Amino acid sequence: MSGDDDVLVGRDGPFATITMNRPRRRNALSRAFLLALTAAFREVGGTDARGIVLAGNGPVFSAGHDFADMAGVSHADVRDLLKVCEGLMRTIQSVPQVVVARVHGLATAAGCQLVASCDLAVAAESAGFAAPGGKGGWFCHTPLVAISHNVGRKRAAEMALTGEVFDAATAADWGLINYAVPDDQLDKAVHELLQRATQGSPRSKALGKQAMYAQFDRPEQDAYAYAIEVMAASSQTPEAQEGMTAFLEKRRPDWPA
């Protein structure tokens, strides 16, 4: 393991794990913690790792924003902190590797936003998910952006307006996570999903991930126009040509280094 005390970075074969290690604060996302996590993703993003697991130590996955950074500070300071948080979410989606959230406990507010911002997510059956601002004094405006892009408007509204904790089975049914699994099978399920999601050419996967996020929120006609150009251009890459040739020759592809 490497990294500072709050963020640990480890490597096991082709996969890296970034672990939130702030259990004393329930992995609450302070400014310094957000910046450290962003730096860790950028660091791993520049390596030859094929996939990344985002995990957490302690009783919860993440309790969201650290109110110690927010109570009593100025409008400008809170706005800047929210921009720092957005920067982490966008970094997760911009690194070339597949990122899987390993959710072992409660993921609430910006912690739920963090899960929703990962490419894929697997949760233990005992985990829970919430956007609790709806039953408090400060609505979960920014977490709702990522949450609604995963679960749709009506379900996002239910999460945000009630503020209730939803279990992992519901989160899977709604599309916030990919799978809810027995607690003792969490690591196995995360590893198996990451293995499946990192098959093929790493460079093709990186381009595919970038283009996937670029077209998600476009109107259908614009999304097709964008995707056609990207797919046509990428057909000329060595990876695409090797994949097509290998298929025609009925052999396993030998991806370019």
C-alpha atoms as a PDB file:
ATOM      1  CA  MET A   1       0.000   0.000   0.000  1.00  0.00           C
ATOM      2  CA  SER A   2       1.047   3.583  -0.610  1.00  0.00           C
ATOM      3  CA  GLY A   3      -0.534   6.993  -0.184  1.00  0.00           C
ATOM      4  CA  ASP A   4      -1.219   9.268   2.759  1.00  0.00           C
ATOM      5  CA  ASP A   5      -3.022   8.141   5.888  1.00  0.00           C
ATOM      6  CA  ASP A   6      -6.474   9.013   4.533  1.00  0.00           C
ATOM      7  CA  VAL A   7      -6.129   7.536   1.030  1.00  0.00           C
ATOM      8  CA  LEU A   8      -4.403   4.207   0.441  1.00  0.00           C
ATOM      9  CA  VAL A   9      -3.378   3.002  -3.010  1.00  0.00           C
ATOM     10  CA  GLY A  10      -2.569  -0.653  -3.637  1.00  0.00           C
ATOM     11  CA  ARG A  11      -1.885  -2.841  -6.647  1.00  0.00           C
ATOM     12  CA  ASP A  12      -2.740  -6.512  -7.154  1.00  0.00           C
ATOM     13  CA  GLY A  13      -1.740  -7.691 -10.611  1.00  0.00           C
ATOM     14  CA  PRO A  14      -3.556  -5.667 -13.271  1.00  0.00           C
ATOM     15  CA  PHE A  15      -5.897  -3.970 -10.815  1.00  0.00           C
ATOM     16  CA  ALA A  16      -5.391  -1.062  -8.414  1.00  0.00           C
ATOM     17  CA  THR A  17      -7.423  -0.325  -5.288  1.00  0.00           C
ATOM     18  CA  ILE A  18      -7.963   3.175  -3.923  1.00  0.00           C
ATOM     19  CA  THR A  19      -9.190   2.927  -0.345  1.00  0.00           C
ATOM     20  CA  MET A  20     -10.814   5.718   1.620  1.00  0.00           C
ATOM     21  CA  ASN A  21      -9.201   5.390   5.020  1.00  0.00           C
ATOM     22  CA  ARG A  22     -10.884   8.018   7.161  1.00  0.00           C
ATOM     23  CA  PRO A  23     -13.034   5.811   9.395  1.00  0.00           C
ATOM     24  CA  ARG A  24     -12.844   8.238  12.319  1.00  0.00           C
ATOM     25  CA  ARG A  25     -14.862  10.669  10.153  1.00  0.00           C
ATOM     26  CA  ARG A  26     -16.920   7.960   8.401  1.00  0.00           C
ATOM     27  CA  ASN A  27     -14.988   8.728   5.195  1.00  0.00           C
ATOM     28  CA  ALA A  28     -16.588  12.168   5.075  1.00  0.00           C
ATOM     29  CA  LEU A  29     -15.440  14.157   2.073  1.00  0.00           C
ATOM     30  CA  SER A  30     -13.500  17.126   3.411  1.00  0.00           C
ATOM     31  CA  ARG A  31     -11.682  19.430   1.001  1.00  0.00           C
ATOM     32  CA  ALA A  32      -8.315  17.833   1.749  1.00  0.00           C
ATOM     33  CA  PHE A  33      -9.796  14.336   1.411  1.00  0.00           C
ATOM     34  CA  LEU A  34     -11.446  15.176  -1.922  1.00  0.00           C
ATOM     35  CA  LEU A  35      -8.155  16.547  -3.245  1.00  0.00           C
ATOM     36  CA  ALA A  36      -6.244  13.488  -2.018  1.00  0.00           C
ATOM     37  CA  LEU A  37      -8.726  11.141  -3.696  1.00  0.00           C
ATOM     38  CA  THR A  38      -8.559  13.138  -6.917  1.00  0.00           C
ATOM     39  CA  ALA A  39      -4.755  12.975  -6.865  1.00  0.00           C
ATOM     40  CA  ALA A  40      -4.883   9.210  -6.265  1.00  0.00           C
ATOM     41  CA  PHE A  41      -7.166   8.659  -9.259  1.00  0.00           C
ATOM     42  CA  ARG A  42      -4.959  10.809 -11.456  1.00  0.00           C
ATOM     43  CA  GLU A  43      -1.876   8.922 -10.280  1.00  0.00           C
ATOM     44  CA  VAL A  44      -3.378   5.485 -10.950  1.00  0.00           C
ATOM     45  CA  GLY A  45      -4.923   6.747 -14.180  1.00  0.00           C
ATOM     46  CA  GLY A  46      -1.426   7.352 -15.505  1.00  0.00           C
ATOM     47  CA  THR A  47      -0.274   3.787 -14.849  1.00  0.00           C
ATOM     48  CA  ASP A  48      -0.745   0.538 -16.755  1.00  0.00           C
ATOM     49  CA  ALA A  49      -3.406  -0.667 -14.316  1.00  0.00           C
ATOM     50  CA  ARG A  50      -6.374  -2.095 -16.215  1.00  0.00           C
ATOM     51  CA  GLY A  51      -9.019  -1.451 -13.584  1.00  0.00           C
ATOM     52  CA  ILE A  52      -9.574   0.414 -10.322  1.00  0.00           C
ATOM     53  CA  VAL A  53     -11.588  -0.536  -7.241  1.00  0.00           C
ATOM     54  CA  LEU A  54     -12.806   2.286  -4.998  1.00  0.00           C
ATOM     55  CA  ALA A  55     -13.240   0.950  -1.470  1.00  0.00           C
ATOM     56  CA  GLY A  56     -13.646   2.298   2.038  1.00  0.00           C
ATOM     57  CA  ASN A  57     -12.416   1.348   5.489  1.00  0.00           C
ATOM     58  CA  GLY A  58     -14.540   1.655   8.613  1.00  0.00           C
ATOM     59  CA  PRO A  59     -18.239   1.216   9.344  1.00  0.00           C
ATOM     60  CA  VAL A  60     -19.543   3.107   6.281  1.00  0.00           C
ATOM     61  CA  PHE A  61     -18.518   3.597   2.666  1.00  0.00           C
ATOM     62  CA  SER A  62     -18.855   7.385   2.879  1.00  0.00           C
ATOM     63  CA  ALA A  63     -21.070   9.707   4.886  1.00  0.00           C
ATOM     64  CA  GLY A  64     -20.862  12.460   2.271  1.00  0.00           C
ATOM     65  CA  HIS A  65     -19.572  15.980   2.741  1.00  0.00           C
ATOM     66  CA  ASP A  66     -17.733  16.823   5.945  1.00  0.00           C
ATOM     67  CA  PHE A  67     -19.865  19.529   7.532  1.00  0.00           C
ATOM     68  CA  ALA A  68     -16.858  20.701   9.530  1.00  0.00           C
ATOM     69  CA  ASP A  69     -15.668  22.235   6.250  1.00  0.00           C
ATOM     70  CA  MET A  70     -19.010  23.885   5.570  1.00  0.00           C
ATOM     71  CA  ALA A  71     -20.716  25.109   8.712  1.00  0.00           C
ATOM     72  CA  GLY A  72     -20.384  28.865   9.055  1.00  0.00           C
ATOM     73  CA  VAL A  73     -18.237  29.433   5.965  1.00  0.00           C
ATOM     74  CA  SER A  74     -19.009  31.800   3.116  1.00  0.00           C
ATOM     75  CA  HIS A  75     -21.118  31.184   0.022  1.00  0.00           C
ATOM     76  CA  ALA A  76     -17.955  31.417  -2.100  1.00  0.00           C
ATOM     77  CA  ASP A  77     -16.131  28.861   0.038  1.00  0.00           C
ATOM     78  CA  VAL A  78     -18.976  26.333  -0.129  1.00  0.00           C
ATOM     79  CA  ARG A  79     -19.314  26.837  -3.877  1.00  0.00           C
ATOM     80  CA  ASP A  80     -15.599  26.243  -4.318  1.00  0.00           C
ATOM     81  CA  LEU A  81     -15.759  23.087  -2.198  1.00  0.00           C
ATOM     82  CA  LEU A  82     -18.622  21.751  -4.312  1.00  0.00           C
ATOM     83  CA  LYS A  83     -16.524  22.405  -7.422  1.00  0.00           C
ATOM     84  CA  VAL A  84     -13.676  20.408  -5.859  1.00  0.00           C
ATOM     85  CA  CYS A  85     -16.135  17.564  -5.290  1.00  0.00           C
ATOM     86  CA  GLU A  86     -17.315  17.784  -8.891  1.00  0.00           C
ATOM     87  CA  GLY A  87     -13.680  17.580  -9.930  1.00  0.00           C
ATOM     88  CA  LEU A  88     -13.312  14.217  -8.192  1.00  0.00           C
ATOM     89  CA  MET A  89     -16.467  12.836  -9.829  1.00  0.00           C
ATOM     90  CA  ARG A  90     -15.328  13.949 -13.270  1.00  0.00           C
ATOM     91  CA  THR A  91     -11.823  12.577 -12.701  1.00  0.00           C
ATOM     92  CA  ILE A  92     -13.260   9.141 -11.905  1.00  0.00           C
ATOM     93  CA  GLN A  93     -15.090   9.189 -15.218  1.00  0.00           C
ATOM     94  CA  SER A  94     -12.135  10.582 -17.178  1.00  0.00           C
ATOM     95  CA  VAL A  95      -9.415   8.104 -16.166  1.00  0.00           C
ATOM     96  CA  PRO A  96      -8.903   5.426 -18.835  1.00  0.00           C
ATOM     97  CA  GLN A  97      -9.482   2.511 -16.456  1.00  0.00           C
ATOM     98  CA  VAL A  98     -12.793   0.917 -15.511  1.00  0.00           C
ATOM     99  CA  VAL A  99     -13.690   2.038 -11.974  1.00  0.00           C
ATOM    100  CA  VAL A 100     -15.804  -0.217  -9.733  1.00  0.00           C
ATOM    101  CA  ALA A 101     -17.175   1.002  -6.404  1.00  0.00           C
ATOM    102  CA  ARG A 102     -16.981  -1.624  -3.653  1.00  0.00           C
ATOM    103  CA  VAL A 103     -19.748  -0.555  -1.268  1.00  0.00           C
ATOM    104  CA  HIS A 104     -19.626  -2.323   2.087  1.00  0.00           C
ATOM    105  CA  GLY A 105     -21.786   0.028   4.189  1.00  0.00           C
ATOM    106  CA  LEU A 106     -23.826   3.215   4.076  1.00  0.00           C
ATOM    107  CA  ALA A 107     -23.258   5.576   1.143  1.00  0.00           C
ATOM    108  CA  THR A 108     -25.096   8.792   1.832  1.00  0.00           C
ATOM    109  CA  ALA A 109     -25.348  12.232   0.185  1.00  0.00           C
ATOM    110  CA  ALA A 110     -22.038  12.928  -1.613  1.00  0.00           C
ATOM    111  CA  GLY A 111     -21.021   9.367  -0.704  1.00  0.00           C
ATOM    112  CA  CYS A 112     -23.961   8.151  -2.768  1.00  0.00           C
ATOM    113  CA  GLN A 113     -22.921  10.617  -5.477  1.00  0.00           C
ATOM    114  CA  LEU A 114     -19.506   8.956  -5.416  1.00  0.00           C
ATOM    115  CA  VAL A 115     -21.044   5.519  -6.041  1.00  0.00           C
ATOM    116  CA  ALA A 116     -23.214   6.906  -8.838  1.00  0.00           C
ATOM    117  CA  SER A 117     -20.171   8.498 -10.482  1.00  0.00           C
ATOM    118  CA  CYS A 118     -18.185   5.262 -10.706  1.00  0.00           C
ATOM    119  CA  ASP A 119     -18.469   3.278 -13.919  1.00  0.00           C
ATOM    120  CA  LEU A 120     -19.781   0.203 -12.096  1.00  0.00           C
ATOM    121  CA  ALA A 121     -20.744  -0.622  -8.515  1.00  0.00           C
ATOM    122  CA  VAL A 122     -21.210  -3.716  -6.370  1.00  0.00           C
ATOM    123  CA  ALA A 123     -22.646  -3.543  -2.861  1.00  0.00           C
ATOM    124  CA  ALA A 124     -22.969  -5.870   0.081  1.00  0.00           C
ATOM    125  CA  GLU A 125     -26.564  -6.708   0.928  1.00  0.00           C
ATOM    126  CA  SER A 126     -26.133  -4.874   4.233  1.00  0.00           C
ATOM    127  CA  ALA A 127     -25.188  -1.610   2.483  1.00  0.00           C
ATOM    128  CA  GLY A 128     -27.558   1.335   2.248  1.00  0.00           C
ATOM    129  CA  PHE A 129     -27.950   4.383   0.029  1.00  0.00           C
ATOM    130  CA  ALA A 130     -29.485   7.778   0.801  1.00  0.00           C
ATOM    131  CA  ALA A 131     -29.771  11.397  -0.255  1.00  0.00           C
ATOM    132  CA  PRO A 132     -30.814  12.588   3.211  1.00  0.00           C
ATOM    133  CA  GLY A 133     -31.026  16.332   2.580  1.00  0.00           C
ATOM    134  CA  GLY A 134     -34.717  16.059   1.783  1.00  0.00           C
ATOM    135  CA  LYS A 135     -35.528  15.419   5.432  1.00  0.00           C
ATOM    136  CA  GLY A 136     -33.036  17.931   6.747  1.00  0.00           C
ATOM    137  CA  GLY A 137     -32.153  21.556   6.282  1.00  0.00           C
ATOM    138  CA  TRP A 138     -29.870  21.338   3.246  1.00  0.00           C
ATOM    139  CA  PHE A 139     -31.152  19.557   0.134  1.00  0.00           C
ATOM    140  CA  CYS A 140     -28.826  17.143  -1.745  1.00  0.00           C
ATOM    141  CA  HIS A 141     -28.658  19.252  -4.909  1.00  0.00           C
ATOM    142  CA  THR A 142     -25.305  18.102  -6.331  1.00  0.00           C
ATOM    143  CA  PRO A 143     -25.563  14.411  -5.319  1.00  0.00           C
ATOM    144  CA  LEU A 144     -28.900  14.346  -7.140  1.00  0.00           C
ATOM    145  CA  VAL A 145     -27.174  15.122 -10.454  1.00  0.00           C
ATOM    146  CA  ALA A 146     -25.246  11.840 -10.460  1.00  0.00           C
ATOM    147  CA  ILE A 147     -28.005   9.850  -8.751  1.00  0.00           C
ATOM    148  CA  SER A 148     -30.684  10.925 -11.240  1.00  0.00           C
ATOM    149  CA  HIS A 149     -28.469   9.998 -14.183  1.00  0.00           C
ATOM    150  CA  ASN A 150     -28.400   6.455 -12.802  1.00  0.00           C
ATOM    151  CA  VAL A 151     -31.923   5.834 -11.550  1.00  0.00           C
ATOM    152  CA  GLY A 152     -34.178   8.186 -13.525  1.00  0.00           C
ATOM    153  CA  ARG A 153     -36.350  11.094 -12.444  1.00  0.00           C
ATOM    154  CA  LYS A 154     -39.114   9.518 -10.353  1.00  0.00           C
ATOM    155  CA  ARG A 155     -36.812   7.278  -8.330  1.00  0.00           C
ATOM    156  CA  ALA A 156     -34.286  10.062  -7.862  1.00  0.00           C
ATOM    157  CA  ALA A 157     -37.109  12.295  -6.655  1.00  0.00           C
ATOM    158  CA  GLU A 158     -38.182   9.647  -4.147  1.00  0.00           C
ATOM    159  CA  MET A 159     -34.650   9.349  -2.797  1.00  0.00           C
ATOM    160  CA  ALA A 160     -34.158  13.104  -2.637  1.00  0.00           C
ATOM    161  CA  LEU A 161     -37.566  14.128  -1.262  1.00  0.00           C
ATOM    162  CA  THR A 162     -37.911  11.406   1.380  1.00  0.00           C
ATOM    163  CA  GLY A 163     -34.252  11.323   2.424  1.00  0.00           C
ATOM    164  CA  GLU A 164     -34.753   7.692   3.393  1.00  0.00           C
ATOM    165  CA  VAL A 165     -32.112   4.948   3.297  1.00  0.00           C
ATOM    166  CA  PHE A 166     -32.702   2.433   0.498  1.00  0.00           C
ATOM    167  CA  ASP A 167     -31.239  -1.044   0.741  1.00  0.00           C
ATOM    168  CA  ALA A 168     -28.791  -2.599  -1.702  1.00  0.00           C
ATOM    169  CA  ALA A 169     -31.405  -4.782  -3.368  1.00  0.00           C
ATOM    170  CA  THR A 170     -33.484  -1.696  -4.181  1.00  0.00           C
ATOM    171  CA  ALA A 171     -30.370   0.145  -5.382  1.00  0.00           C
ATOM    172  CA  ALA A 172     -29.636  -2.724  -7.759  1.00  0.00           C
ATOM    173  CA  ASP A 173     -33.235  -2.870  -8.984  1.00  0.00           C
ATOM    174  CA  TRP A 174     -33.199   0.878  -9.637  1.00  0.00           C
ATOM    175  CA  GLY A 175     -29.839   0.876 -11.427  1.00  0.00           C
ATOM    176  CA  LEU A 176     -27.791   2.794  -8.864  1.00  0.00           C
ATOM    177  CA  ILE A 177     -25.507  -0.237  -8.531  1.00  0.00           C
ATOM    178  CA  ASN A 178     -24.945  -3.272 -10.725  1.00  0.00           C
ATOM    179  CA  TYR A 179     -25.252  -6.011  -8.100  1.00  0.00           C
ATOM    180  CA  ALA A 180     -26.175  -6.544  -4.457  1.00  0.00           C
ATOM    181  CA  VAL A 181     -24.399  -9.616  -3.089  1.00  0.00           C
ATOM    182  CA  PRO A 182     -24.072 -11.389   0.272  1.00  0.00           C
ATOM    183  CA  ASP A 183     -21.560  -9.580   2.462  1.00  0.00           C
ATOM    184  CA  ASP A 184     -19.075 -12.447   2.427  1.00  0.00           C
ATOM    185  CA  GLN A 185     -19.076 -12.500  -1.388  1.00  0.00           C
ATOM    186  CA  LEU A 186     -18.440  -8.787  -1.934  1.00  0.00           C
ATOM    187  CA  ASP A 187     -14.741  -8.996  -2.805  1.00  0.00           C
ATOM    188  CA  LYS A 188     -15.269 -11.946  -5.128  1.00  0.00           C
ATOM    189  CA  ALA A 189     -18.138 -10.210  -6.934  1.00  0.00           C
ATOM    190  CA  VAL A 190     -16.154  -6.980  -7.346  1.00  0.00           C
ATOM    191  CA  HIS A 191     -13.160  -8.863  -8.741  1.00  0.00           C
ATOM    192  CA  GLU A 192     -15.267 -10.919 -11.140  1.00  0.00           C
ATOM    193  CA  LEU A 193     -17.081  -7.857 -12.479  1.00  0.00           C
ATOM    194  CA  LEU A 194     -13.799  -5.980 -12.928  1.00  0.00           C
ATOM    195  CA  GLN A 195     -12.309  -8.942 -14.784  1.00  0.00           C
ATOM    196  CA  ARG A 196     -15.294  -9.083 -17.132  1.00  0.00           C
ATOM    197  CA  ALA A 197     -15.284  -5.329 -17.684  1.00  0.00           C
ATOM    198  CA  THR A 198     -11.571  -5.126 -18.530  1.00  0.00           C
ATOM    199  CA  GLN A 199     -11.464  -7.749 -21.268  1.00  0.00           C
ATOM    200  CA  GLY A 200     -10.156  -6.646 -24.633  1.00  0.00           C
ATOM    201  CA  SER A 201      -7.770  -3.903 -25.677  1.00  0.00           C
ATOM    202  CA  PRO A 202      -6.995  -1.379 -22.912  1.00  0.00           C
ATOM    203  CA  ARG A 203      -6.665   1.497 -25.381  1.00  0.00           C
ATOM    204  CA  SER A 204      -9.939   0.648 -27.066  1.00  0.00           C
ATOM    205  CA  LYS A 205     -11.621   0.426 -23.646  1.00  0.00           C
ATOM    206  CA  ALA A 206     -10.241   3.830 -22.641  1.00  0.00           C
ATOM    207  CA  LEU A 207     -11.567   5.467 -25.804  1.00  0.00           C
ATOM    208  CA  GLY A 208     -14.877   3.660 -25.366  1.00  0.00           C
ATOM    209  CA  LYS A 209     -15.286   4.912 -21.815  1.00  0.00           C
ATOM    210  CA  GLN A 210     -14.502   8.483 -22.852  1.00  0.00           C
ATOM    211  CA  ALA A 211     -16.987   8.391 -25.728  1.00  0.00           C
ATOM    212  CA  MET A 212     -19.635   6.661 -23.612  1.00  0.00           C
ATOM    213  CA  TYR A 213     -19.753   9.519 -21.109  1.00  0.00           C
ATOM    214  CA  ALA A 214     -19.588  12.121 -23.879  1.00  0.00           C
ATOM    215  CA  GLN A 215     -22.744  10.801 -25.552  1.00  0.00           C
ATOM    216  CA  PHE A 216     -24.809   9.872 -22.478  1.00  0.00           C
ATOM    217  CA  ASP A 217     -26.483  13.253 -22.029  1.00  0.00           C
ATOM    218  CA  ARG A 218     -26.795  14.314 -25.644  1.00  0.00           C
ATOM    219  CA  PRO A 219     -30.116  14.198 -27.508  1.00  0.00           C
ATOM    220  CA  GLU A 220     -30.373  10.970 -29.497  1.00  0.00           C
ATOM    221  CA  GLN A 221     -29.639  12.555 -32.885  1.00  0.00           C
ATOM    222  CA  ASP A 222     -26.551  14.336 -31.534  1.00  0.00           C
ATOM    223  CA  ALA A 223     -25.449  11.200 -29.702  1.00  0.00           C
ATOM    224  CA  TYR A 224     -25.606   9.175 -32.915  1.00  0.00           C
ATOM    225  CA  ALA A 225     -23.740  11.858 -34.866  1.00  0.00           C
ATOM    226  CA  TYR A 226     -20.981  11.911 -32.247  1.00  0.00           C
ATOM    227  CA  ALA A 227     -20.808   8.121 -31.867  1.00  0.00           C
ATOM    228  CA  ILE A 228     -20.657   7.561 -35.638  1.00  0.00           C
ATOM    229  CA  GLU A 229     -17.638   9.843 -35.958  1.00  0.00           C
ATOM    230  CA  VAL A 230     -15.832   8.256 -33.013  1.00  0.00           C
ATOM    231  CA  MET A 231     -16.597   4.700 -34.145  1.00  0.00           C
ATOM    232  CA  ALA A 232     -15.568   5.387 -37.723  1.00  0.00           C
ATOM    233  CA  ALA A 233     -12.294   6.972 -36.637  1.00  0.00           C
ATOM    234  CA  SER A 234     -11.516   4.237 -34.133  1.00  0.00           C
ATOM    235  CA  SER A 235     -12.071   1.560 -36.796  1.00  0.00           C
ATOM    236  CA  GLN A 236      -8.695   2.600 -38.189  1.00  0.00           C
ATOM    237  CA  THR A 237      -6.762   1.922 -34.987  1.00  0.00           C
ATOM    238  CA  PRO A 238      -4.456  -1.105 -34.717  1.00  0.00           C
ATOM    239  CA  GLU A 239      -6.655  -2.509 -31.946  1.00  0.00           C
ATOM    240  CA  ALA A 240      -9.809  -2.429 -34.065  1.00  0.00           C
ATOM    241  CA  GLN A 241      -8.077  -3.919 -37.081  1.00  0.00           C
ATOM    242  CA  GLU A 242      -6.553  -6.703 -34.984  1.00  0.00           C
ATOM    243  CA  GLY A 243      -9.912  -7.476 -33.398  1.00  0.00           C
ATOM    244  CA  MET A 244     -11.663  -7.742 -36.756  1.00  0.00           C
ATOM    245  CA  THR A 245      -8.862  -9.784 -38.331  1.00  0.00           C
ATOM    246  CA  ALA A 246      -8.714 -12.166 -35.375  1.00  0.00           C
ATOM    247  CA  PHE A 247     -12.480 -12.692 -35.574  1.00  0.00           C
ATOM    248  CA  LEU A 248     -12.317 -13.460 -39.287  1.00  0.00           C
ATOM    249  CA  GLU A 249      -9.350 -15.779 -38.798  1.00  0.00           C
ATOM    250  CA  LYS A 250     -11.039 -17.498 -35.835  1.00  0.00           C
ATOM    251  CA  ARG A 251      -8.153 -16.896 -33.444  1.00  0.00           C
ATOM    252  CA  ARG A 252      -7.533 -15.022 -30.214  1.00  0.00           C
ATOM    253  CA  PRO A 253      -6.515 -11.396 -30.777  1.00  0.00           C
ATOM    254  CA  ASP A 254      -2.969 -10.257 -30.041  1.00  0.00           C
ATOM    255  CA  TRP A 255      -3.502  -6.697 -28.860  1.00  0.00           C
ATOM    256  CA  PRO A 256      -0.824  -4.155 -29.829  1.00  0.00           C
ATOM    257  CA  ALA A 257       1.441  -3.084 -26.970  1.00  0.00           C
END
